[in-house]
Amino acid sequence: SETKCMKSEGASGGLVDWTVSDVVSYFTTAGFPEQAAAFRTQEIDGKSLLLMQRNDVLTGLSIRLGPALKIYERHVKVLQKTHFEDDDC
């Protein structure tokens, strides 16, 4: 099970170690370059990303509702879920 844990960490280390730039490039790569700028403006790093609630993404970042919902449902929520599942390792 150790290899599973290492694999899920990903190449760039755990989400907790992500810098603001890592978060920005993640969302840029995910297809949200405009919205990624909001994460930079708000200085959201990996630790902050882990703590974000749905409402933070929808209202706190000043991004349009459509993209904000996609970002939260498909990315933030998924990253958080993966992170907290890996914590048992």
C-alpha atoms as a PDB file:
ATOM      1  CA  SER A   1       0.000   0.000   0.000  1.00  0.00           C
ATOM      2  CA  GLU A   2       3.030   2.274   0.352  1.00  0.00           C
ATOM      3  CA  THR A   3       3.432   2.589  -3.403  1.00  0.00           C
ATOM      4  CA  LYS A   4      -0.215   3.605  -3.721  1.00  0.00           C
ATOM      5  CA  CYS A   5       0.448   6.438  -1.288  1.00  0.00           C
ATOM      6  CA  MET A   6       3.544   7.598  -3.107  1.00  0.00           C
ATOM      7  CA  LYS A   7       1.845   7.418  -6.484  1.00  0.00           C
ATOM      8  CA  SER A   8      -1.132   9.498  -5.438  1.00  0.00           C
ATOM      9  CA  GLU A   9       1.178  12.185  -4.079  1.00  0.00           C
ATOM     10  CA  GLY A  10       1.917  13.139  -7.667  1.00  0.00           C
ATOM     11  CA  ALA A  11       5.180  14.440  -9.054  1.00  0.00           C
ATOM     12  CA  SER A  12       5.032  17.899  -7.472  1.00  0.00           C
ATOM     13  CA  GLY A  13       4.643  16.653  -3.910  1.00  0.00           C
ATOM     14  CA  GLY A  14       1.503  16.924  -1.812  1.00  0.00           C
ATOM     15  CA  LEU A  15      -1.124  19.609  -2.200  1.00  0.00           C
ATOM     16  CA  VAL A  16       0.043  21.140   1.080  1.00  0.00           C
ATOM     17  CA  ASP A  17       3.381  21.938  -0.561  1.00  0.00           C
ATOM     18  CA  TRP A  18       1.847  23.744  -3.544  1.00  0.00           C
ATOM     19  CA  THR A  19       2.803  27.388  -3.888  1.00  0.00           C
ATOM     20  CA  VAL A  20       0.488  30.064  -5.273  1.00  0.00           C
ATOM     21  CA  SER A  21       2.240  29.556  -8.629  1.00  0.00           C
ATOM     22  CA  ASP A  22       1.551  25.807  -8.511  1.00  0.00           C
ATOM     23  CA  VAL A  23      -2.139  26.475  -7.914  1.00  0.00           C
ATOM     24  CA  VAL A  24      -2.244  29.034 -10.727  1.00  0.00           C
ATOM     25  CA  SER A  25      -0.514  26.726 -13.202  1.00  0.00           C
ATOM     26  CA  TYR A  26      -2.776  23.838 -12.176  1.00  0.00           C
ATOM     27  CA  PHE A  27      -5.935  25.801 -13.006  1.00  0.00           C
ATOM     28  CA  THR A  28      -4.364  27.268 -16.137  1.00  0.00           C
ATOM     29  CA  THR A  29      -3.547  23.747 -17.347  1.00  0.00           C
ATOM     30  CA  ALA A  30      -7.027  22.588 -16.337  1.00  0.00           C
ATOM     31  CA  GLY A  31      -8.420  25.124 -18.812  1.00  0.00           C
ATOM     32  CA  PHE A  32      -9.218  28.062 -16.553  1.00  0.00           C
ATOM     33  CA  PRO A  33      -6.466  30.583 -17.330  1.00  0.00           C
ATOM     34  CA  GLU A  34      -8.633  33.657 -16.608  1.00  0.00           C
ATOM     35  CA  GLN A  35      -9.913  32.217 -13.344  1.00  0.00           C
ATOM     36  CA  ALA A  36      -6.435  31.077 -12.340  1.00  0.00           C
ATOM     37  CA  ALA A  37      -5.482  34.751 -12.065  1.00  0.00           C
ATOM     38  CA  ALA A  38      -8.046  35.108  -9.264  1.00  0.00           C
ATOM     39  CA  PHE A  39      -6.222  32.449  -7.258  1.00  0.00           C
ATOM     40  CA  ARG A  40      -3.032  34.495  -7.644  1.00  0.00           C
ATOM     41  CA  THR A  41      -4.783  37.737  -6.642  1.00  0.00           C
ATOM     42  CA  GLN A  42      -6.180  36.058  -3.531  1.00  0.00           C
ATOM     43  CA  GLU A  43      -2.827  34.342  -2.874  1.00  0.00           C
ATOM     44  CA  ILE A  44      -4.330  30.858  -2.691  1.00  0.00           C
ATOM     45  CA  ASP A  45      -1.635  28.249  -2.141  1.00  0.00           C
ATOM     46  CA  GLY A  46      -2.076  24.523  -1.603  1.00  0.00           C
ATOM     47  CA  LYS A  47      -2.904  24.846   2.093  1.00  0.00           C
ATOM     48  CA  SER A  48      -5.515  27.518   1.379  1.00  0.00           C
ATOM     49  CA  LEU A  49      -6.962  25.415  -1.424  1.00  0.00           C
ATOM     50  CA  LEU A  50      -7.467  22.534   1.000  1.00  0.00           C
ATOM     51  CA  LEU A  51      -9.462  24.781   3.305  1.00  0.00           C
ATOM     52  CA  MET A  52     -11.668  26.334   0.645  1.00  0.00           C
ATOM     53  CA  GLN A  53     -15.389  25.737   0.933  1.00  0.00           C
ATOM     54  CA  ARG A  54     -17.802  25.821  -1.982  1.00  0.00           C
ATOM     55  CA  ASN A  55     -18.856  29.328  -1.026  1.00  0.00           C
ATOM     56  CA  ASP A  56     -15.273  30.596  -1.001  1.00  0.00           C
ATOM     57  CA  VAL A  57     -14.834  29.514  -4.600  1.00  0.00           C
ATOM     58  CA  LEU A  58     -18.228  30.833  -5.725  1.00  0.00           C
ATOM     59  CA  THR A  59     -18.105  34.214  -4.032  1.00  0.00           C
ATOM     60  CA  GLY A  60     -14.632  34.812  -2.634  1.00  0.00           C
ATOM     61  CA  LEU A  61     -12.702  34.744  -5.888  1.00  0.00           C
ATOM     62  CA  SER A  62     -14.883  37.128  -7.921  1.00  0.00           C
ATOM     63  CA  ILE A  63     -15.122  34.733 -10.840  1.00  0.00           C
ATOM     64  CA  ARG A  64     -18.238  33.996 -12.882  1.00  0.00           C
ATOM     65  CA  LEU A  65     -20.599  31.433 -11.433  1.00  0.00           C
ATOM     66  CA  GLY A  66     -20.359  28.888 -14.280  1.00  0.00           C
ATOM     67  CA  PRO A  67     -16.584  28.508 -14.223  1.00  0.00           C
ATOM     68  CA  ALA A  68     -16.552  28.782 -10.426  1.00  0.00           C
ATOM     69  CA  LEU A  69     -18.924  25.820 -10.105  1.00  0.00           C
ATOM     70  CA  LYS A  70     -16.807  23.728 -12.484  1.00  0.00           C
ATOM     71  CA  ILE A  71     -13.617  24.673 -10.671  1.00  0.00           C
ATOM     72  CA  TYR A  72     -15.117  23.697  -7.336  1.00  0.00           C
ATOM     73  CA  GLU A  73     -16.908  20.491  -8.377  1.00  0.00           C
ATOM     74  CA  ARG A  74     -14.295  19.092 -10.768  1.00  0.00           C
ATOM     75  CA  HIS A  75     -11.088  20.313  -9.192  1.00  0.00           C
ATOM     76  CA  VAL A  76     -11.098  21.774  -5.679  1.00  0.00           C
ATOM     77  CA  LYS A  77     -13.426  19.093  -4.303  1.00  0.00           C
ATOM     78  CA  VAL A  78     -11.517  16.317  -6.080  1.00  0.00           C
ATOM     79  CA  LEU A  79      -8.115  17.580  -4.884  1.00  0.00           C
ATOM     80  CA  GLN A  80      -9.393  17.830  -1.315  1.00  0.00           C
ATOM     81  CA  LYS A  81     -10.934  14.360  -1.424  1.00  0.00           C
ATOM     82  CA  THR A  82      -7.725  12.836  -2.800  1.00  0.00           C
ATOM     83  CA  HIS A  83      -5.620  14.646  -0.228  1.00  0.00           C
ATOM     84  CA  PHE A  84      -7.675  13.595   2.757  1.00  0.00           C
ATOM     85  CA  GLU A  85      -7.904   9.991   1.545  1.00  0.00           C
ATOM     86  CA  ASP A  86      -4.120   9.868   1.203  1.00  0.00           C
ATOM     87  CA  ASP A  87      -3.675  11.129   4.739  1.00  0.00           C
ATOM     88  CA  ASP A  88      -4.294   7.682   6.219  1.00  0.00           C
ATOM     89  CA  CYS A  89      -1.078   6.406   4.619  1.00  0.00           C
END
